[in-house]
């Protein structure tokens, strides 16, 4: 069974987190059945999300062992809701570094790329982040990332994307890396995102 860790910070965007939850859940039930996803936060079980919704996680960071997981998923969030306070915490960044050091896939959506870059694992690599406000791409560039303005960028097992509209595609790309192209394509079809095949 492939295990995915959904690493969350206060102020994360529910839509982006839910893409990972749904895609890997659909795969568990309707795809090849080989993935489970668990959510994790720094030091509290209930987080406040972007737009002030509440979300309960499965684990606290000190309860998990990176070696038990096959991939890391990091949704973005809003500065106005405190996202960077926790996302830039040394423990959050250290978790990203451990996944990368152990050659595990990392998938992020929108501003989720910024803590990944802050951890240092994207330095000198290609990546992207929210593109409709140049400030976020400047942040990424200042952290040593070679910024490309395209919807999804993958470099060295790290997936980044440039806005929330890419969420399902990022999750399906991560699913493909963990299973197969054929399986991810079938999950896409079953979820109704492959309208050209109808």
Foldseek 3Di string as FASTA:
>chain_A
DAEEEEEADAFFDPLLSVLLVVLQVCCCPPFPNDYDYFYEYAPDQWHQYNVGDIDGGDYYLVVDDLVVHQEYEYEHGDVVRPRCVRLQPPSNLVSLVVCLVVQGAYFYEALSVLSNLSSVPQAPEEEEHADVDCVSVVSSVVSRHPYDPDAWDDDSRYIYGHHSVCSNVRSLVSVCVVPHPVRSVVSCVVVPNPVVVD
